[in-house]
Amino acid sequence: MPTAGFVDVAFLKKEGAKALGKPDHETRIDAARVVGWIRSQAWGKFLRAYWYDGAFAPQHRQAAAQRRYFEAVALTPGIQLRLGHIAERRSPLRSGVRRAVADAAKDLEVDPADLLSAFDKRWKFHPVRQQKGVDTLIALDLVRLAGRGVIDTAILISGDRDLAEAIRSAQDFGIAVSVATPGRGLAREVAKLADAILVIPPEKLDQMVLSRVRS
């Protein structure tokens, strides 16, 4: 029976960028390179890679560009795209930092509005984003494929401890679960259950996690 890959894109992007010393919000993932690497790790036949990512709400300013990216990913041979959603909220640091700037303005006897305006031009708070539904999709797919006897090996690129029970359940159906990582970010529960831990080599990681081209 074949091997299937399960790719948590947010995990690969965050931990891969960290391992390479790149800001994760300025990187993108090369889907074809990721699939190529998973193929190289598969014993025997390769089924496909399931690609898990979070989608912005349709009205989000980045939604159109993200849809084009997802379309390109979905057209990549060997990938099945699976989408959760992204919840976005304002950085919790923003209000506290702005209050500190306003207080500093008073101490300096300058207009707080002028100092805040100057601060806003020079500093940008990135919103806090959290994926929703992705771990559930990974768990359902992993257990479903294992339970139906479709695969005998899974290569999971994720380290979230919420997947521990899904890994255990898949193993109970008789499949081997290898967990792949850029070298960090694995929850202890996942590391203990993994039949093998695959560390993605830096030279391969650098081909997967690319810096965005600034316009």
N, C-alpha and C. Protein backbone atom coordinates (compact mmCIF):
# COMPACT_ATOMS: atom_id res chain seq x y z
N MET A 1 0.85 -1.21 0.00
CA MET A 1 0.00 0.00 0.00
C MET A 1 0.88 1.25 0.00
N PRO A 2 0.33 2.36 -0.42
CA PRO A 2 1.14 3.57 -0.59
C PRO A 2 1.33 4.41 0.66
N THR A 3 2.14 5.44 0.48
CA THR A 3 2.41 6.45 1.51
C THR A 3 1.66 7.73 1.16
N ALA A 4 1.10 8.40 2.16
CA ALA A 4 0.47 9.70 1.97
C ALA A 4 1.15 10.73 2.87
N GLY A 5 1.20 11.96 2.40
CA GLY A 5 1.74 13.06 3.20
C GLY A 5 0.62 13.93 3.73
N PHE A 6 0.85 14.50 4.90
CA PHE A 6 -0.13 15.39 5.54
C PHE A 6 0.65 16.64 5.97
N VAL A 7 0.39 17.77 5.33
CA VAL A 7 1.22 18.95 5.51
C VAL A 7 0.45 20.08 6.18
N ASP A 8 0.83 20.40 7.41
CA ASP A 8 0.31 21.57 8.10
C ASP A 8 1.16 22.75 7.65
N VAL A 9 0.63 23.54 6.73
CA VAL A 9 1.41 24.60 6.09
C VAL A 9 1.87 25.65 7.10
N ALA A 10 1.00 26.02 8.03
CA ALA A 10 1.37 27.04 9.02
C ALA A 10 2.54 26.57 9.88
N PHE A 11 2.55 25.28 10.25
CA PHE A 11 3.66 24.72 11.03
C PHE A 11 4.95 24.76 10.22
N LEU A 12 4.89 24.30 8.98
CA LEU A 12 6.08 24.28 8.14
C LEU A 12 6.63 25.69 7.91
N LYS A 13 5.73 26.62 7.69
CA LYS A 13 6.14 28.00 7.44
C LYS A 13 6.77 28.64 8.68
N LYS A 14 6.12 28.48 9.82
CA LYS A 14 6.61 29.09 11.05
C LYS A 14 7.93 28.49 11.49
N GLU A 15 7.96 27.16 11.62
CA GLU A 15 9.16 26.50 12.11
C GLU A 15 10.28 26.49 11.07
N GLY A 16 9.90 26.40 9.81
CA GLY A 16 10.91 26.45 8.75
C GLY A 16 11.58 27.81 8.67
N ALA A 17 10.77 28.87 8.74
CA ALA A 17 11.34 30.22 8.72
C ALA A 17 12.23 30.46 9.93
N LYS A 18 11.80 29.96 11.09
CA LYS A 18 12.59 30.11 12.31
C LYS A 18 13.94 29.40 12.16
N ALA A 19 13.92 28.19 11.62
CA ALA A 19 15.15 27.42 11.45
C ALA A 19 16.11 28.09 10.47
N LEU A 20 15.54 28.79 9.48
CA LEU A 20 16.36 29.44 8.45
C LEU A 20 16.70 30.89 8.80
N GLY A 21 16.14 31.39 9.90
CA GLY A 21 16.39 32.78 10.29
C GLY A 21 15.67 33.79 9.44
N LYS A 22 14.47 33.41 8.94
CA LYS A 22 13.68 34.32 8.11
C LYS A 22 12.41 34.72 8.87
N PRO A 23 11.91 35.96 8.69
CA PRO A 23 10.62 36.32 9.29
C PRO A 23 9.51 35.53 8.62
N ASP A 24 8.68 34.82 9.39
CA ASP A 24 7.70 33.93 8.76
C ASP A 24 6.65 34.68 7.96
N HIS A 25 6.36 35.95 8.33
CA HIS A 25 5.35 36.70 7.59
C HIS A 25 5.89 37.21 6.25
N GLU A 26 7.17 37.00 5.99
CA GLU A 26 7.76 37.42 4.72
C GLU A 26 8.19 36.21 3.89
N THR A 27 7.58 35.05 4.16
CA THR A 27 7.94 33.84 3.43
C THR A 27 6.71 33.21 2.79
N ARG A 28 6.95 32.32 1.84
CA ARG A 28 5.89 31.52 1.23
C ARG A 28 6.44 30.11 1.05
N ILE A 29 5.54 29.15 0.90
CA ILE A 29 5.92 27.75 0.77
C ILE A 29 5.82 27.31 -0.69
N ASP A 30 6.86 26.68 -1.18
CA ASP A 30 6.87 26.12 -2.53
C ASP A 30 6.27 24.71 -2.46
N ALA A 31 5.02 24.59 -2.90
CA ALA A 31 4.29 23.33 -2.75
C ALA A 31 4.96 22.18 -3.50
N ALA A 32 5.42 22.43 -4.71
CA ALA A 32 6.03 21.37 -5.51
C ALA A 32 7.28 20.81 -4.83
N ARG A 33 8.07 21.68 -4.20
CA ARG A 33 9.27 21.22 -3.51
C ARG A 33 8.92 20.35 -2.31
N VAL A 34 7.86 20.73 -1.61
CA VAL A 34 7.44 19.95 -0.45
C VAL A 34 6.98 18.55 -0.88
N VAL A 35 6.17 18.50 -1.93
CA VAL A 35 5.70 17.22 -2.43
C VAL A 35 6.87 16.36 -2.90
N GLY A 36 7.83 16.99 -3.59
CA GLY A 36 9.00 16.26 -4.05
C GLY A 36 9.78 15.64 -2.91
N TRP A 37 9.90 16.38 -1.81
CA TRP A 37 10.64 15.84 -0.66
C TRP A 37 9.88 14.68 -0.02
N ILE A 38 8.55 14.83 0.12
CA ILE A 38 7.76 13.74 0.70
C ILE A 38 7.87 12.49 -0.17
N ARG A 39 7.80 12.67 -1.48
CA ARG A 39 7.97 11.52 -2.39
C ARG A 39 9.30 10.81 -2.13
N SER A 40 10.35 11.61 -1.90
CA SER A 40 11.68 11.02 -1.71
C SER A 40 11.78 10.21 -0.42
N GLN A 41 10.87 10.48 0.52
CA GLN A 41 10.89 9.78 1.80
C GLN A 41 9.96 8.56 1.81
N ALA A 42 9.12 8.46 0.77
CA ALA A 42 8.13 7.38 0.75
C ALA A 42 8.77 6.06 0.35
N TRP A 43 8.37 5.01 1.04
CA TRP A 43 8.78 3.65 0.69
C TRP A 43 7.74 3.11 -0.27
N GLY A 44 8.14 2.79 -1.48
CA GLY A 44 7.19 2.25 -2.45
C GLY A 44 6.34 3.35 -3.07
N LYS A 45 5.08 3.06 -3.29
CA LYS A 45 4.17 3.95 -4.02
C LYS A 45 3.79 5.17 -3.17
N PHE A 46 3.69 6.31 -3.84
CA PHE A 46 3.25 7.55 -3.20
C PHE A 46 1.82 7.84 -3.65
N LEU A 47 0.92 8.02 -2.70
CA LEU A 47 -0.48 8.30 -3.04
C LEU A 47 -0.66 9.78 -3.39
N ARG A 48 -0.53 10.64 -2.41
CA ARG A 48 -0.63 12.09 -2.60
C ARG A 48 -0.28 12.78 -1.29
N ALA A 49 -0.16 14.11 -1.36
CA ALA A 49 0.03 14.92 -0.16
C ALA A 49 -1.25 15.72 0.08
N TYR A 50 -1.75 15.66 1.29
CA TYR A 50 -2.89 16.47 1.69
C TYR A 50 -2.33 17.76 2.29
N TRP A 51 -2.82 18.89 1.76
CA TRP A 51 -2.23 20.21 2.02
C TRP A 51 -3.21 21.03 2.83
N TYR A 52 -2.87 21.34 4.07
CA TYR A 52 -3.80 21.99 4.99
C TYR A 52 -3.38 23.43 5.26
N ASP A 53 -4.30 24.34 5.01
CA ASP A 53 -4.00 25.76 5.24
C ASP A 53 -5.27 26.45 5.70
N GLY A 54 -5.12 27.68 6.17
CA GLY A 54 -6.25 28.48 6.61
C GLY A 54 -6.58 29.55 5.59
N ALA A 55 -7.86 29.74 5.32
CA ALA A 55 -8.31 30.73 4.34
C ALA A 55 -8.88 31.96 5.03
N PHE A 56 -8.57 33.14 4.48
CA PHE A 56 -9.17 34.37 4.97
C PHE A 56 -10.65 34.40 4.59
N ALA A 57 -11.42 35.17 5.33
CA ALA A 57 -12.82 35.42 4.97
C ALA A 57 -12.85 36.13 3.61
N PRO A 58 -13.89 35.92 2.80
CA PRO A 58 -13.94 36.49 1.45
C PRO A 58 -13.73 38.00 1.40
N GLN A 59 -14.16 38.71 2.44
CA GLN A 59 -14.06 40.17 2.43
C GLN A 59 -12.69 40.68 2.87
N HIS A 60 -11.81 39.80 3.32
CA HIS A 60 -10.49 40.22 3.79
C HIS A 60 -9.68 40.81 2.63
N ARG A 61 -8.86 41.80 2.94
CA ARG A 61 -8.09 42.50 1.90
C ARG A 61 -7.10 41.58 1.18
N GLN A 62 -6.70 40.50 1.82
CA GLN A 62 -5.75 39.59 1.19
C GLN A 62 -6.41 38.35 0.59
N ALA A 63 -7.73 38.29 0.63
CA ALA A 63 -8.43 37.07 0.21
C ALA A 63 -8.23 36.77 -1.27
N ALA A 64 -8.28 37.79 -2.13
CA ALA A 64 -8.16 37.55 -3.57
C ALA A 64 -6.78 36.99 -3.93
N ALA A 65 -5.74 37.60 -3.36
CA ALA A 65 -4.39 37.11 -3.63
C ALA A 65 -4.21 35.70 -3.08
N GLN A 66 -4.80 35.43 -1.92
CA GLN A 66 -4.69 34.10 -1.33
C GLN A 66 -5.40 33.06 -2.19
N ARG A 67 -6.54 33.43 -2.76
CA ARG A 67 -7.26 32.48 -3.62
C ARG A 67 -6.42 32.10 -4.83
N ARG A 68 -5.69 33.06 -5.38
CA ARG A 68 -4.82 32.75 -6.53
C ARG A 68 -3.71 31.78 -6.12
N TYR A 69 -3.17 31.99 -4.91
CA TYR A 69 -2.14 31.09 -4.40
C TYR A 69 -2.71 29.69 -4.20
N PHE A 70 -3.90 29.61 -3.61
CA PHE A 70 -4.51 28.30 -3.37
C PHE A 70 -4.81 27.59 -4.69
N GLU A 71 -5.21 28.34 -5.70
CA GLU A 71 -5.48 27.73 -7.01
C GLU A 71 -4.21 27.11 -7.58
N ALA A 72 -3.08 27.82 -7.43
CA ALA A 72 -1.81 27.30 -7.91
C ALA A 72 -1.41 26.05 -7.13
N VAL A 73 -1.64 26.07 -5.81
CA VAL A 73 -1.34 24.89 -4.99
C VAL A 73 -2.19 23.71 -5.43
N ALA A 74 -3.50 23.94 -5.61
CA ALA A 74 -4.42 22.86 -5.98
C ALA A 74 -4.06 22.25 -7.33
N LEU A 75 -3.44 23.02 -8.21
CA LEU A 75 -3.04 22.53 -9.53
C LEU A 75 -1.69 21.83 -9.51
N THR A 76 -1.01 21.85 -8.37
CA THR A 76 0.27 21.17 -8.24
C THR A 76 0.06 19.67 -8.23
N PRO A 77 0.69 18.91 -9.12
CA PRO A 77 0.51 17.45 -9.14
C PRO A 77 0.87 16.83 -7.79
N GLY A 78 0.01 15.91 -7.35
CA GLY A 78 0.28 15.19 -6.11
C GLY A 78 -0.27 15.84 -4.87
N ILE A 79 -1.06 16.92 -5.03
CA ILE A 79 -1.59 17.63 -3.86
C ILE A 79 -3.11 17.65 -3.88
N GLN A 80 -3.71 17.43 -2.72
CA GLN A 80 -5.13 17.69 -2.51
C GLN A 80 -5.23 18.78 -1.45
N LEU A 81 -5.84 19.90 -1.83
CA LEU A 81 -5.94 21.07 -0.94
C LEU A 81 -7.11 20.91 0.02
N ARG A 82 -6.83 21.18 1.30
CA ARG A 82 -7.86 21.11 2.34
C ARG A 82 -7.76 22.40 3.16
N LEU A 83 -8.87 23.13 3.28
CA LEU A 83 -8.82 24.45 3.90
C LEU A 83 -9.67 24.57 5.16
N GLY A 84 -9.05 25.12 6.20
CA GLY A 84 -9.78 25.60 7.36
C GLY A 84 -9.97 27.11 7.16
N HIS A 85 -10.02 27.87 8.24
CA HIS A 85 -10.14 29.32 8.09
C HIS A 85 -9.21 30.02 9.07
N ILE A 86 -9.02 31.30 8.85
CA ILE A 86 -8.13 32.11 9.67
C ILE A 86 -8.94 33.12 10.49
N ALA A 87 -8.75 33.08 11.79
CA ALA A 87 -9.33 34.10 12.67
C ALA A 87 -8.25 35.16 12.92
N GLU A 88 -8.61 36.41 12.75
CA GLU A 88 -7.63 37.49 12.87
C GLU A 88 -8.09 38.51 13.90
N ARG A 89 -7.16 38.94 14.74
CA ARG A 89 -7.48 39.98 15.72
C ARG A 89 -6.29 40.93 15.86
N ARG A 90 -6.57 42.10 16.37
CA ARG A 90 -5.53 43.12 16.53
C ARG A 90 -4.49 42.67 17.56
N SER A 91 -3.24 43.05 17.32
CA SER A 91 -2.17 42.69 18.24
C SER A 91 -2.47 43.18 19.65
N PRO A 92 -2.33 42.33 20.67
CA PRO A 92 -2.61 42.75 22.05
C PRO A 92 -1.60 43.78 22.56
N LEU A 93 -0.48 43.92 21.87
CA LEU A 93 0.54 44.88 22.29
C LEU A 93 0.20 46.31 21.87
N ARG A 94 -0.66 46.46 20.88
CA ARG A 94 -0.88 47.76 20.26
C ARG A 94 -1.35 48.83 21.24
N SER A 95 -2.41 48.53 21.99
CA SER A 95 -2.98 49.55 22.87
C SER A 95 -2.00 49.94 23.97
N GLY A 96 -1.30 48.96 24.55
CA GLY A 96 -0.35 49.26 25.61
C GLY A 96 0.82 50.10 25.14
N VAL A 97 1.35 49.77 23.97
CA VAL A 97 2.48 50.53 23.42
C VAL A 97 2.05 51.95 23.08
N ARG A 98 0.87 52.10 22.51
CA ARG A 98 0.40 53.45 22.16
C ARG A 98 0.17 54.30 23.42
N ARG A 99 -0.32 53.67 24.49
CA ARG A 99 -0.48 54.42 25.75
C ARG A 99 0.88 54.87 26.28
N ALA A 100 1.88 54.00 26.15
CA ALA A 100 3.23 54.36 26.61
C ALA A 100 3.80 55.52 25.79
N VAL A 101 3.53 55.51 24.48
CA VAL A 101 4.00 56.60 23.62
C VAL A 101 3.31 57.91 24.01
N ALA A 102 2.01 57.84 24.28
CA ALA A 102 1.26 59.05 24.67
C ALA A 102 1.78 59.59 26.01
N ASP A 103 2.09 58.70 26.95
CA ASP A 103 2.64 59.13 28.23
C ASP A 103 4.02 59.76 28.05
N ALA A 104 4.81 59.18 27.15
CA ALA A 104 6.14 59.74 26.88
C ALA A 104 6.02 61.14 26.29
N ALA A 105 5.00 61.34 25.45
CA ALA A 105 4.79 62.66 24.85
C ALA A 105 4.54 63.72 25.92
N LYS A 106 3.78 63.35 26.93
CA LYS A 106 3.50 64.30 28.02
C LYS A 106 4.78 64.64 28.77
N ASP A 107 5.62 63.63 29.02
CA ASP A 107 6.87 63.87 29.72
C ASP A 107 7.79 64.76 28.91
N LEU A 108 7.71 64.61 27.58
CA LEU A 108 8.56 65.42 26.68
C LEU A 108 7.93 66.76 26.36
N GLU A 109 6.70 66.96 26.87
CA GLU A 109 5.95 68.20 26.63
C GLU A 109 5.74 68.46 25.14
N VAL A 110 5.36 67.38 24.43
CA VAL A 110 4.99 67.51 23.02
C VAL A 110 3.57 67.00 22.88
N ASP A 111 2.95 67.34 21.76
CA ASP A 111 1.57 66.93 21.52
C ASP A 111 1.51 65.40 21.33
N PRO A 112 0.76 64.68 22.17
CA PRO A 112 0.67 63.22 22.02
C PRO A 112 0.20 62.79 20.64
N ALA A 113 -0.73 63.55 20.05
CA ALA A 113 -1.24 63.19 18.73
C ALA A 113 -0.13 63.22 17.69
N ASP A 114 0.77 64.22 17.79
CA ASP A 114 1.87 64.32 16.83
C ASP A 114 2.85 63.15 17.00
N LEU A 115 3.14 62.81 18.26
CA LEU A 115 4.08 61.72 18.51
C LEU A 115 3.49 60.37 18.09
N LEU A 116 2.21 60.19 18.35
CA LEU A 116 1.55 58.95 17.94
C LEU A 116 1.50 58.82 16.42
N SER A 117 1.25 59.94 15.75
CA SER A 117 1.24 59.93 14.30
C SER A 117 2.60 59.56 13.73
N ALA A 118 3.65 60.13 14.32
CA ALA A 118 5.01 59.80 13.88
C ALA A 118 5.33 58.34 14.16
N PHE A 119 4.88 57.85 15.32
CA PHE A 119 5.11 56.45 15.69
C PHE A 119 4.42 55.51 14.71
N ASP A 120 3.15 55.82 14.36
CA ASP A 120 2.39 54.96 13.46
C ASP A 120 3.00 54.87 12.07
N LYS A 121 3.70 55.95 11.66
CA LYS A 121 4.34 55.94 10.35
C LYS A 121 5.58 55.05 10.32
N ARG A 122 6.16 54.84 11.50
CA ARG A 122 7.43 54.11 11.57
C ARG A 122 7.30 52.69 12.11
N TRP A 123 6.12 52.37 12.67
CA TRP A 123 5.96 51.05 13.28
C TRP A 123 4.61 50.46 12.93
N LYS A 124 4.62 49.20 12.52
CA LYS A 124 3.37 48.52 12.17
C LYS A 124 3.21 47.28 13.02
N PHE A 125 2.05 47.16 13.66
CA PHE A 125 1.74 45.97 14.43
C PHE A 125 1.07 44.95 13.51
N HIS A 126 1.65 43.77 13.41
CA HIS A 126 1.04 42.73 12.61
C HIS A 126 -0.11 42.10 13.38
N PRO A 127 -1.24 41.87 12.72
CA PRO A 127 -2.37 41.25 13.42
C PRO A 127 -2.02 39.83 13.87
N VAL A 128 -2.68 39.40 14.91
CA VAL A 128 -2.50 38.03 15.41
C VAL A 128 -3.48 37.13 14.66
N ARG A 129 -2.94 36.11 14.01
CA ARG A 129 -3.77 35.21 13.22
C ARG A 129 -3.71 33.79 13.78
N GLN A 130 -4.85 33.14 13.78
CA GLN A 130 -4.92 31.78 14.29
C GLN A 130 -5.74 30.92 13.35
N GLN A 131 -5.16 29.77 12.96
CA GLN A 131 -5.89 28.83 12.12
C GLN A 131 -6.97 28.14 12.92
N LYS A 132 -8.10 27.92 12.27
CA LYS A 132 -9.20 27.19 12.89
C LYS A 132 -9.61 26.04 11.97
N GLY A 133 -9.79 24.88 12.54
CA GLY A 133 -10.30 23.75 11.78
C GLY A 133 -9.26 22.91 11.09
N VAL A 134 -8.01 23.36 11.03
CA VAL A 134 -6.98 22.63 10.30
C VAL A 134 -6.62 21.32 11.00
N ASP A 135 -6.39 21.36 12.32
CA ASP A 135 -6.05 20.14 13.05
C ASP A 135 -7.16 19.10 12.94
N THR A 136 -8.40 19.57 12.94
CA THR A 136 -9.53 18.64 12.82
C THR A 136 -9.52 17.96 11.46
N LEU A 137 -9.23 18.71 10.40
CA LEU A 137 -9.16 18.12 9.06
C LEU A 137 -8.04 17.10 8.96
N ILE A 138 -6.88 17.45 9.52
CA ILE A 138 -5.75 16.51 9.49
C ILE A 138 -6.11 15.22 10.22
N ALA A 139 -6.67 15.36 11.41
CA ALA A 139 -7.02 14.18 12.22
C ALA A 139 -8.04 13.31 11.50
N LEU A 140 -9.07 13.92 10.93
CA LEU A 140 -10.10 13.15 10.23
C LEU A 140 -9.53 12.41 9.02
N ASP A 141 -8.72 13.09 8.23
CA ASP A 141 -8.15 12.45 7.03
C ASP A 141 -7.19 11.33 7.39
N LEU A 142 -6.35 11.57 8.39
CA LEU A 142 -5.37 10.57 8.79
C LEU A 142 -6.05 9.29 9.28
N VAL A 143 -7.03 9.44 10.16
CA VAL A 143 -7.73 8.28 10.71
C VAL A 143 -8.60 7.61 9.64
N ARG A 144 -9.24 8.41 8.79
CA ARG A 144 -10.12 7.84 7.74
C ARG A 144 -9.32 6.99 6.77
N LEU A 145 -8.19 7.50 6.28
CA LEU A 145 -7.38 6.74 5.33
C LEU A 145 -6.78 5.50 5.97
N ALA A 146 -6.34 5.64 7.22
CA ALA A 146 -5.80 4.47 7.92
C ALA A 146 -6.88 3.42 8.14
N GLY A 147 -8.06 3.86 8.58
CA GLY A 147 -9.15 2.94 8.87
C GLY A 147 -9.67 2.20 7.64
N ARG A 148 -9.59 2.83 6.49
CA ARG A 148 -10.05 2.20 5.25
C ARG A 148 -8.97 1.35 4.60
N GLY A 149 -7.77 1.34 5.20
CA GLY A 149 -6.69 0.55 4.63
C GLY A 149 -6.16 1.08 3.32
N VAL A 150 -6.30 2.39 3.11
CA VAL A 150 -5.84 3.01 1.86
C VAL A 150 -4.32 3.17 1.84
N ILE A 151 -3.73 3.41 3.00
CA ILE A 151 -2.29 3.65 3.12
C ILE A 151 -1.70 2.76 4.19
N ASP A 152 -0.39 2.55 4.10
CA ASP A 152 0.27 1.84 5.19
C ASP A 152 1.30 2.72 5.90
N THR A 153 1.57 3.90 5.32
CA THR A 153 2.52 4.83 5.93
C THR A 153 2.02 6.26 5.76
N ALA A 154 2.17 7.06 6.81
CA ALA A 154 1.83 8.49 6.75
C ALA A 154 3.07 9.30 7.10
N ILE A 155 3.32 10.35 6.34
CA ILE A 155 4.38 11.30 6.68
C ILE A 155 3.68 12.61 7.05
N LEU A 156 3.75 12.95 8.32
CA LEU A 156 3.03 14.10 8.86
C LEU A 156 3.99 15.24 9.13
N ILE A 157 3.78 16.36 8.44
CA ILE A 157 4.57 17.56 8.71
C ILE A 157 3.74 18.46 9.62
N SER A 158 3.87 18.23 10.90
CA SER A 158 3.16 18.99 11.93
C SER A 158 3.71 18.56 13.27
N GLY A 159 3.53 19.41 14.27
CA GLY A 159 4.02 19.05 15.60
C GLY A 159 3.02 19.32 16.69
N ASP A 160 1.77 19.60 16.32
CA ASP A 160 0.75 20.01 17.29
C ASP A 160 0.32 18.84 18.16
N ARG A 161 0.33 19.05 19.46
CA ARG A 161 -0.04 17.97 20.38
C ARG A 161 -1.49 17.56 20.23
N ASP A 162 -2.34 18.42 19.64
CA ASP A 162 -3.74 18.06 19.44
C ASP A 162 -3.89 16.91 18.46
N LEU A 163 -2.82 16.59 17.72
CA LEU A 163 -2.87 15.49 16.76
C LEU A 163 -2.43 14.16 17.36
N ALA A 164 -2.04 14.18 18.62
CA ALA A 164 -1.50 12.96 19.24
C ALA A 164 -2.49 11.81 19.19
N GLU A 165 -3.74 12.05 19.54
CA GLU A 165 -4.72 10.97 19.56
C GLU A 165 -5.03 10.47 18.15
N ALA A 166 -5.00 11.36 17.17
CA ALA A 166 -5.21 10.93 15.78
C ALA A 166 -4.07 10.02 15.33
N ILE A 167 -2.85 10.35 15.72
CA ILE A 167 -1.69 9.51 15.39
C ILE A 167 -1.86 8.14 16.03
N ARG A 168 -2.22 8.13 17.30
CA ARG A 168 -2.41 6.87 18.02
C ARG A 168 -3.49 6.01 17.35
N SER A 169 -4.61 6.67 16.98
CA SER A 169 -5.71 5.93 16.34
C SER A 169 -5.29 5.36 14.99
N ALA A 170 -4.55 6.14 14.21
CA ALA A 170 -4.07 5.65 12.91
C ALA A 170 -3.13 4.47 13.09
N GLN A 171 -2.27 4.54 14.09
CA GLN A 171 -1.36 3.43 14.38
C GLN A 171 -2.11 2.18 14.80
N ASP A 172 -3.23 2.35 15.49
CA ASP A 172 -4.04 1.21 15.91
C ASP A 172 -4.61 0.46 14.71
N PHE A 173 -4.74 1.15 13.57
CA PHE A 173 -5.20 0.51 12.34
C PHE A 173 -4.05 -0.17 11.59
N GLY A 174 -2.84 -0.06 12.14
CA GLY A 174 -1.72 -0.79 11.57
C GLY A 174 -0.80 -0.01 10.67
N ILE A 175 -0.94 1.33 10.61
CA ILE A 175 -0.05 2.10 9.75
C ILE A 175 1.09 2.71 10.57
N ALA A 176 2.17 3.01 9.89
CA ALA A 176 3.31 3.69 10.52
C ALA A 176 3.18 5.19 10.27
N VAL A 177 3.41 5.98 11.29
CA VAL A 177 3.32 7.44 11.18
C VAL A 177 4.69 8.04 11.46
N SER A 178 5.28 8.62 10.41
CA SER A 178 6.54 9.36 10.56
C SER A 178 6.20 10.84 10.66
N VAL A 179 6.85 11.53 11.58
CA VAL A 179 6.61 12.96 11.76
C VAL A 179 7.83 13.71 11.25
N ALA A 180 7.59 14.66 10.35
CA ALA A 180 8.68 15.44 9.75
C ALA A 180 8.68 16.84 10.34
N THR A 181 9.87 17.38 10.54
CA THR A 181 10.01 18.69 11.18
C THR A 181 11.25 19.40 10.64
N PRO A 182 11.23 20.73 10.64
CA PRO A 182 12.45 21.48 10.29
C PRO A 182 13.55 21.35 11.35
N GLY A 183 13.25 20.67 12.44
CA GLY A 183 14.25 20.48 13.49
C GLY A 183 13.78 20.91 14.86
N ARG A 184 12.60 21.50 14.93
CA ARG A 184 12.06 21.97 16.20
C ARG A 184 10.54 22.03 16.08
N GLY A 185 9.89 22.36 17.19
CA GLY A 185 8.45 22.59 17.15
C GLY A 185 7.59 21.37 17.39
N LEU A 186 8.19 20.20 17.66
CA LEU A 186 7.39 19.01 17.91
C LEU A 186 6.95 18.98 19.37
N ALA A 187 5.65 18.81 19.57
CA ALA A 187 5.16 18.60 20.93
C ALA A 187 5.68 17.27 21.44
N ARG A 188 5.93 17.20 22.74
CA ARG A 188 6.47 15.98 23.33
C ARG A 188 5.55 14.78 23.06
N GLU A 189 4.23 15.02 23.14
CA GLU A 189 3.28 13.93 22.93
C GLU A 189 3.39 13.35 21.52
N VAL A 190 3.62 14.23 20.54
CA VAL A 190 3.77 13.78 19.14
C VAL A 190 5.09 13.04 18.95
N ALA A 191 6.16 13.60 19.51
CA ALA A 191 7.48 12.97 19.37
C ALA A 191 7.50 11.57 19.97
N LYS A 192 6.81 11.37 21.10
CA LYS A 192 6.79 10.07 21.75
C LYS A 192 6.05 9.03 20.91
N LEU A 193 5.01 9.45 20.19
CA LEU A 193 4.20 8.51 19.43
C LEU A 193 4.78 8.20 18.05
N ALA A 194 5.55 9.10 17.50
CA ALA A 194 6.05 8.94 16.12
C ALA A 194 6.82 7.65 15.95
N ASP A 195 6.53 6.93 14.85
CA ASP A 195 7.32 5.74 14.52
C ASP A 195 8.70 6.13 14.02
N ALA A 196 8.81 7.32 13.47
CA ALA A 196 10.11 7.86 13.06
C ALA A 196 9.99 9.38 13.04
N ILE A 197 11.08 10.06 13.34
CA ILE A 197 11.13 11.52 13.24
C ILE A 197 12.08 11.87 12.11
N LEU A 198 11.56 12.56 11.10
CA LEU A 198 12.34 12.94 9.94
C LEU A 198 12.68 14.42 10.04
N VAL A 199 13.96 14.74 10.08
CA VAL A 199 14.38 16.14 10.11
C VAL A 199 14.65 16.59 8.67
N ILE A 200 13.93 17.63 8.25
CA ILE A 200 14.10 18.15 6.90
C ILE A 200 15.45 18.85 6.81
N PRO A 201 16.34 18.41 5.92
CA PRO A 201 17.68 19.02 5.84
C PRO A 201 17.60 20.51 5.49
N PRO A 202 18.52 21.32 6.01
CA PRO A 202 18.49 22.76 5.76
C PRO A 202 18.48 23.12 4.28
N GLU A 203 19.23 22.37 3.46
CA GLU A 203 19.28 22.70 2.03
C GLU A 203 17.94 22.43 1.35
N LYS A 204 17.20 21.42 1.82
CA LYS A 204 15.87 21.15 1.28
C LYS A 204 14.87 22.17 1.82
N LEU A 205 15.02 22.50 3.10
CA LEU A 205 14.13 23.46 3.73
C LEU A 205 14.22 24.82 3.05
N ASP A 206 15.43 25.20 2.68
CA ASP A 206 15.64 26.49 2.02
C ASP A 206 14.96 26.55 0.66
N GLN A 207 14.74 25.39 0.04
CA GLN A 207 14.02 25.33 -1.24
C GLN A 207 12.51 25.35 -1.04
N MET A 208 12.07 24.95 0.14
CA MET A 208 10.64 24.92 0.45
C MET A 208 10.11 26.24 0.98
N VAL A 209 10.88 26.86 1.87
CA VAL A 209 10.44 28.09 2.54
C VAL A 209 11.17 29.27 1.88
N LEU A 210 10.47 29.95 1.01
CA LEU A 210 11.07 30.99 0.19
C LEU A 210 10.72 32.38 0.70
N SER A 211 11.63 33.31 0.54
CA SER A 211 11.35 34.70 0.88
C SER A 211 10.43 35.30 -0.17
N ARG A 212 9.47 36.06 0.26
CA ARG A 212 8.55 36.74 -0.68
C ARG A 212 9.32 37.81 -1.45
N VAL A 213 8.95 37.97 -2.70
CA VAL A 213 9.53 39.04 -3.53
C VAL A 213 8.75 40.31 -3.26
N ARG A 214 9.45 41.31 -2.76
CA ARG A 214 8.77 42.60 -2.47
C ARG A 214 8.54 43.35 -3.76
N SER A 215 7.33 43.95 -3.87
CA SER A 215 7.00 44.72 -5.07
C SER A 215 7.38 46.17 -4.89
